[in-house]
Protein backbone atom coordinates (compact mmCIF):
# COMPACT_ATOMS: atom_id res chain seq x y z
CA MET A 1 12.46 47.43 -36.62
CA ASP A 2 12.99 50.56 -34.60
CA PRO A 3 14.80 50.49 -31.22
CA LEU A 4 11.56 50.73 -29.23
CA GLU A 5 10.10 47.69 -30.99
CA GLN A 6 13.34 45.76 -30.42
CA GLU A 7 13.24 46.63 -26.73
CA LEU A 8 9.57 45.53 -26.46
CA VAL A 9 10.34 42.19 -28.18
CA ARG A 10 13.26 41.63 -25.76
CA TRP A 11 11.11 42.47 -22.68
CA LEU A 12 8.33 40.13 -23.84
CA ALA A 13 10.83 37.31 -24.40
CA GLU A 14 12.29 37.85 -20.93
CA ALA A 15 8.78 37.91 -19.43
CA ARG A 16 7.95 34.55 -21.09
CA VAL A 17 11.17 33.03 -19.73
CA ASP A 18 10.47 34.44 -16.26
CA GLY A 19 6.91 33.06 -16.41
CA ALA A 20 8.14 29.59 -17.38
CA VAL A 21 10.72 29.60 -14.58
CA THR A 22 8.10 30.74 -12.05
CA SER A 23 5.71 28.03 -13.21
CA ARG A 24 8.38 25.31 -12.84
CA LEU A 25 9.35 26.59 -9.39
CA ARG A 26 5.69 26.62 -8.29
CA GLU A 27 5.18 23.06 -9.58
CA ARG A 28 8.33 21.85 -7.78
CA ALA A 29 7.23 23.54 -4.55
CA LEU A 30 3.80 21.89 -4.72
CA ARG A 31 5.39 18.46 -5.31
CA GLN A 32 7.73 19.04 -2.36
CA LEU A 33 4.83 20.07 -0.12
CA ALA A 34 2.86 16.98 -1.13
CA GLY A 35 5.86 14.78 -0.34
CA ASP A 36 6.41 16.49 3.00
CA GLU A 37 2.81 15.80 4.07
CA ALA A 38 2.69 12.20 2.80
CA THR A 39 1.63 9.30 4.99
CA LEU A 40 2.08 5.63 4.23
CA LEU A 41 -1.67 4.97 4.35
CA GLY A 42 -2.32 7.98 2.11
CA LEU A 43 0.25 6.71 -0.35
CA CYS A 44 -1.35 3.25 -0.26
CA LEU A 45 -4.71 4.85 -1.01
CA ASP A 46 -3.17 6.64 -4.00
CA LEU A 47 -1.66 3.34 -5.18
CA ALA A 48 -4.98 1.52 -4.75
CA GLU A 49 -6.76 4.16 -6.82
CA SER A 50 -4.11 3.96 -9.56
CA GLY A 51 -4.89 0.27 -10.12
CA ARG A 52 -1.26 -0.46 -10.95
CA PRO A 53 0.48 -3.57 -9.59
CA VAL A 54 3.00 -3.12 -6.81
CA LEU A 55 5.54 -5.22 -4.98
CA ALA A 56 5.20 -5.29 -1.20
CA ARG A 57 7.91 -6.70 1.03
CA THR A 58 7.09 -7.64 4.60
CA THR A 59 9.45 -7.37 7.54
CA GLU A 60 9.75 -11.16 7.33
CA GLY A 61 11.36 -10.78 3.89
CA ARG A 62 8.45 -12.12 1.84
CA VAL A 63 7.71 -10.21 -1.38
CA HIS A 64 4.20 -10.14 -2.85
CA ARG A 65 3.03 -8.79 -6.21
CA GLY A 66 -0.49 -7.53 -6.68
CA GLN A 67 -2.84 -4.61 -6.69
CA LEU A 68 -3.73 -2.75 -3.52
CA VAL A 69 -7.53 -3.01 -3.33
CA ALA A 70 -8.33 -1.75 0.17
CA VAL A 71 -6.74 0.45 2.81
CA GLY A 72 -7.83 0.27 6.43
CA ALA A 73 -6.75 2.12 9.55
CA ASP A 74 -3.75 -0.19 10.10
CA PHE A 75 -3.64 -2.60 7.15
CA VAL A 76 -3.78 -2.91 3.37
CA VAL A 77 -5.26 -5.63 1.18
CA LEU A 78 -3.21 -6.81 -1.76
CA ARG A 79 -4.95 -8.90 -4.44
CA SER A 80 -2.62 -11.16 -6.40
CA GLY A 81 -2.97 -11.92 -10.09
CA ALA A 82 -4.51 -15.27 -9.07
CA GLY A 83 -7.18 -13.41 -7.08
CA ASP A 84 -5.91 -14.24 -3.59
CA ALA A 85 -6.52 -11.58 -0.94
CA MET A 86 -3.58 -10.84 1.34
CA PHE A 87 -4.08 -8.71 4.46
CA LEU A 88 -0.84 -6.93 5.40
CA PRO A 89 -0.53 -4.94 8.63
CA VAL A 90 1.08 -1.58 7.85
CA GLY A 91 3.58 -2.16 10.64
CA ALA A 92 4.77 -5.31 8.84
CA LEU A 93 5.52 -3.54 5.54
CA ALA A 94 9.24 -3.17 4.88
CA TRP A 95 8.69 -1.37 1.55
CA LEU A 96 6.42 -0.86 -1.45
CA ARG A 97 7.47 -0.22 -5.04
CA PRO A 98 6.10 -0.47 -8.57
CA ALA A 99 5.96 -3.96 -10.03
CA PRO A 100 8.44 -4.31 -12.91
CA GLY A 101 6.97 -3.25 -16.24
CA ALA A 102 3.69 -2.13 -14.73
CA TRP A 103 4.47 1.55 -14.46
CA ALA A 104 6.13 2.33 -17.79
CA GLY A 105 6.46 6.10 -17.97
CA ALA A 106 4.53 6.78 -14.76
CA LEU A 107 7.63 7.36 -12.67
CA ALA A 108 9.02 9.81 -15.19
CA ARG A 109 6.25 12.17 -14.08
CA GLY A 110 7.25 12.10 -10.42
CA GLY A 111 6.84 9.19 -8.09
CA GLU A 112 7.24 10.94 -4.78
CA ALA A 113 4.99 9.88 -1.94
CA ALA A 114 2.09 12.28 -2.17
CA GLY A 115 -0.79 10.79 -0.21
CA ALA A 116 -1.82 12.81 2.82
CA ARG A 117 -5.41 11.57 3.01
CA PRO A 118 -6.78 9.33 5.73
CA PRO A 119 -7.83 5.81 4.68
CA PRO A 120 -11.49 5.43 3.69
CA LEU A 121 -11.95 2.38 5.92
CA ALA A 122 -11.87 3.16 9.62
CA ALA A 123 -11.75 -0.58 10.33
CA ARG A 124 -8.65 -2.02 11.90
CA LEU A 125 -7.24 -5.43 10.99
CA VAL A 126 -8.57 -6.90 14.25
CA ASP A 127 -12.10 -5.79 13.27
CA VAL A 128 -11.86 -7.39 9.81
CA LEU A 129 -10.43 -10.65 11.16
CA THR A 130 -13.14 -10.80 13.83
CA GLY A 131 -15.78 -10.50 11.12
CA LEU A 132 -14.09 -13.10 8.92
CA ALA A 133 -13.72 -15.59 11.78
CA ALA A 134 -17.49 -16.12 11.85
CA ASP A 135 -17.21 -17.87 8.45
CA ARG A 136 -14.23 -20.01 9.53
CA PRO A 137 -12.22 -19.26 6.36
CA ARG A 138 -9.11 -21.18 5.40
CA VAL A 139 -6.08 -18.93 5.89
CA ARG A 140 -2.32 -18.92 5.80
CA VAL A 141 -0.83 -16.71 8.49
CA VAL A 142 2.81 -15.62 8.55
CA VAL A 143 4.18 -14.86 11.98
CA THR A 144 7.26 -12.88 12.99
CA GLY A 145 10.25 -15.16 13.44
CA ASP A 146 8.57 -18.34 12.16
CA PRO A 147 9.75 -19.50 8.70
CA ASP A 148 6.68 -21.71 8.23
CA PRO A 149 3.26 -20.12 7.66
CA TRP A 150 0.43 -21.39 9.80
CA ALA A 151 -2.26 -23.00 7.64
CA GLY A 152 -5.76 -23.81 8.77
CA ARG A 153 -9.10 -22.25 9.63
CA LEU A 154 -9.52 -18.95 11.38
CA ARG A 155 -11.64 -19.80 14.43
CA ALA A 156 -11.74 -16.52 16.33
CA CYS A 157 -10.08 -13.18 16.72
CA GLY A 158 -9.95 -11.54 20.12
CA ALA A 159 -8.69 -8.11 21.06
CA ASP A 160 -5.08 -9.18 20.59
CA VAL A 161 -5.00 -12.88 19.66
CA LEU A 162 -5.97 -15.09 16.70
CA SER A 163 -7.30 -18.60 17.30
CA MET A 164 -6.57 -21.02 14.48
CA GLU A 165 -7.45 -24.61 13.84
CA GLN A 166 -4.29 -25.88 12.20
CA SER A 167 -4.38 -28.33 9.33
CA ASN A 168 -2.70 -31.13 11.27
CA ASP A 169 -3.87 -34.70 11.73
CA PRO A 170 -5.65 -34.49 14.10
CA PRO A 171 -6.45 -30.75 13.80
CA MET A 172 -5.02 -28.64 16.62
CA ILE A 173 -5.94 -25.21 17.94
CA GLY A 174 -3.15 -22.64 18.12
CA TRP A 175 -3.03 -19.01 19.18
CA ILE A 176 -1.08 -16.18 17.64
CA PRO A 177 -0.61 -12.74 19.22
CA LEU A 178 -1.90 -10.21 16.68
CA VAL A 179 1.22 -8.06 17.03
CA GLN A 180 3.25 -10.99 15.61
CA VAL A 181 1.11 -11.37 12.45
CA THR A 182 2.86 -10.08 9.32
CA GLU A 183 0.34 -11.35 6.74
CA VAL A 184 -2.97 -13.15 6.50
CA ASN A 185 -3.76 -14.80 3.19
CA LEU A 186 -7.32 -15.95 2.54
CA VAL A 187 -7.10 -19.33 0.81
CA ASP A 188 -9.45 -19.78 -2.13
CA GLU A 189 -11.61 -22.86 -1.56
CA ARG A 190 -13.10 -23.13 -5.05
């Protein structure tokens, strides 16, 4: 091989290396930008679309495992393996993470928060609970600072208060300020 050919081979090799480095830098910059623009609701939407199970811990210290199935303006819905629907206000989420064993290999490809999209449901939790109250569903409601969930029927939902008929004997009505609600679990009545 003559000196010119050797020089061309060396330049081409350097160009390939430079191209690979540039590509990796561009990919890293895009991941960083996605992480910088992430929102919790956008991340929840990404997690819901992935279909993978997550663990969600509330500010009351309760940990739930399930799949995120809906994202609203200020809440998420987590469906457990048993099919229960749990409404969690975003303000009551302490953290989210992959459920053990459910994400094998997925985190090796990244895992940074990347969702910057708005939630598809414009509904707020108060709107959903108001609609549900018409059917008087059985619910369990966890309230800030109370170790015992409230169990009973959802009677009404006002602008900032839930009315519940508690499962006492005799049944009693109780009221919970919405800002104190950390989870609402719809109880399956099958």
